[in-house]
């Protein structure tokens, strides 16, 4: 049996997700990785080159995982809750942009 918490909705998951991102450096690395991922997706479209989509995935996850393993000292939620974690990345990104979460 897995000891990972179960969530019936994203609304229920998001507070847990934020709890996994208490470290400011981890959040900043998430933000940088997500910003680079957006840039890579735009390059994929502009240059009509799908390899930039792979770069988007690598940049997004690499920065986030460095934040978790070296600063937050926990396992990324994406390993246990991939869809909710992906959604959480973008909601947290928006919350950082709007000042709801400190950068």
Protein backbone atom coordinates (compact mmCIF):
# COMPACT_ATOMS: atom_id res chain seq x y z
CA UNK A 1 0.00 0.00 0.00
CA UNK A 2 1.16 3.49 -0.84
CA UNK A 3 1.43 6.05 1.94
CA UNK A 4 0.79 8.90 -0.51
CA UNK A 5 -2.25 10.98 0.47
CA UNK A 6 -5.32 10.66 -1.73
CA UNK A 7 -7.18 13.67 -3.06
CA UNK A 8 -10.64 13.75 -4.56
CA UNK A 9 -10.15 17.10 -6.31
CA UNK A 10 -7.52 19.61 -7.31
CA UNK A 11 -9.00 22.05 -4.80
CA UNK A 12 -8.21 19.51 -2.09
CA UNK A 13 -4.72 18.85 -3.51
CA UNK A 14 -3.50 22.44 -3.93
CA UNK A 15 -2.95 23.22 -0.21
CA UNK A 16 -0.88 20.02 0.02
CA UNK A 17 1.04 21.11 -3.08
CA UNK A 18 1.82 24.50 -1.56
CA UNK A 19 3.00 22.76 1.59
CA UNK A 20 5.52 20.90 -0.55
CA UNK A 21 6.83 24.28 -1.79
CA UNK A 22 7.55 26.20 1.41
CA UNK A 23 11.15 26.93 0.48
CA UNK A 24 11.46 30.20 -1.40
CA UNK A 25 14.38 29.00 -3.54
CA UNK A 26 12.38 25.95 -4.60
CA UNK A 27 9.47 28.20 -5.66
CA UNK A 28 11.86 30.47 -7.54
CA UNK A 29 13.37 27.52 -9.39
CA UNK A 30 9.86 26.35 -10.30
CA UNK A 31 9.08 29.81 -11.62
CA UNK A 32 12.28 30.01 -13.68
CA UNK A 33 11.76 26.51 -15.09
CA UNK A 34 8.15 27.24 -15.99
CA UNK A 35 9.14 30.53 -17.63
CA UNK A 36 11.78 28.74 -19.70
CA UNK A 37 9.22 26.08 -20.61
CA UNK A 38 6.86 28.79 -21.91
CA UNK A 39 9.71 30.22 -23.97
CA UNK A 40 10.53 26.81 -25.40
CA UNK A 41 6.89 26.19 -26.36
CA UNK A 42 6.83 29.55 -28.12
CA UNK A 43 10.03 28.66 -29.97
CA UNK A 44 8.52 25.33 -30.99
CA UNK A 45 5.61 27.21 -32.54
CA UNK A 46 7.61 30.03 -34.14
CA UNK A 47 10.31 27.77 -35.54
CA UNK A 48 7.95 24.86 -36.27
CA UNK A 49 10.42 22.61 -34.50
CA UNK A 50 8.94 20.04 -32.08
CA UNK A 51 12.33 19.47 -30.40
CA UNK A 52 11.67 22.65 -28.45
CA UNK A 53 8.76 20.84 -26.77
CA UNK A 54 11.22 18.34 -25.35
CA UNK A 55 13.34 21.28 -24.17
CA UNK A 56 10.22 22.71 -22.49
CA UNK A 57 9.69 19.51 -20.51
CA UNK A 58 13.33 19.19 -19.55
CA UNK A 59 13.72 22.80 -18.47
CA UNK A 60 10.49 22.84 -16.50
CA UNK A 61 11.13 19.63 -14.61
CA UNK A 62 14.91 20.01 -14.20
CA UNK A 63 14.62 23.32 -12.36
CA UNK A 64 11.73 22.08 -10.24
CA UNK A 65 13.48 18.86 -9.26
CA UNK A 66 16.68 20.68 -8.30
CA UNK A 67 14.51 22.82 -6.05
CA UNK A 68 12.95 19.80 -4.40
CA UNK A 69 16.03 17.63 -3.98
CA UNK A 70 18.50 20.33 -2.90
CA UNK A 71 16.42 23.02 -1.22
CA UNK A 72 13.01 21.66 -0.23
CA UNK A 73 14.52 18.24 0.62
CA UNK A 74 11.43 16.31 -0.47
CA UNK A 75 10.26 14.23 -3.40
CA UNK A 76 8.42 16.15 -6.11
CA UNK A 77 4.66 15.66 -5.96
CA UNK A 78 4.76 14.81 -9.66
CA UNK A 79 5.99 11.31 -8.76
CA UNK A 80 2.78 10.57 -6.84
CA UNK A 81 0.24 12.95 -8.39
CA UNK A 82 1.41 13.80 -11.92
CA UNK A 83 -1.71 15.53 -13.26
CA UNK A 84 -2.54 17.51 -10.13
CA UNK A 85 1.13 18.43 -9.75
CA UNK A 86 1.29 19.74 -13.32
CA UNK A 87 -1.84 21.78 -12.67
CA UNK A 88 -0.38 22.97 -9.36
CA UNK A 89 2.77 24.19 -11.12
CA UNK A 90 0.73 26.54 -13.27
CA UNK A 91 -1.60 27.73 -10.53
CA UNK A 92 1.42 28.47 -8.33
CA UNK A 93 3.05 30.25 -11.30
CA UNK A 94 -0.04 32.46 -11.63
CA UNK A 95 -0.15 33.01 -7.87
CA UNK A 96 3.50 34.13 -7.91
CA UNK A 97 2.86 36.45 -10.88
CA UNK A 98 -0.10 38.05 -9.13
CA UNK A 99 1.73 38.42 -5.81
CA UNK A 100 -0.49 35.96 -3.94
CA UNK A 101 2.60 33.85 -3.16
CA UNK A 102 5.93 35.54 -2.35
CA UNK A 103 8.68 35.22 -4.93
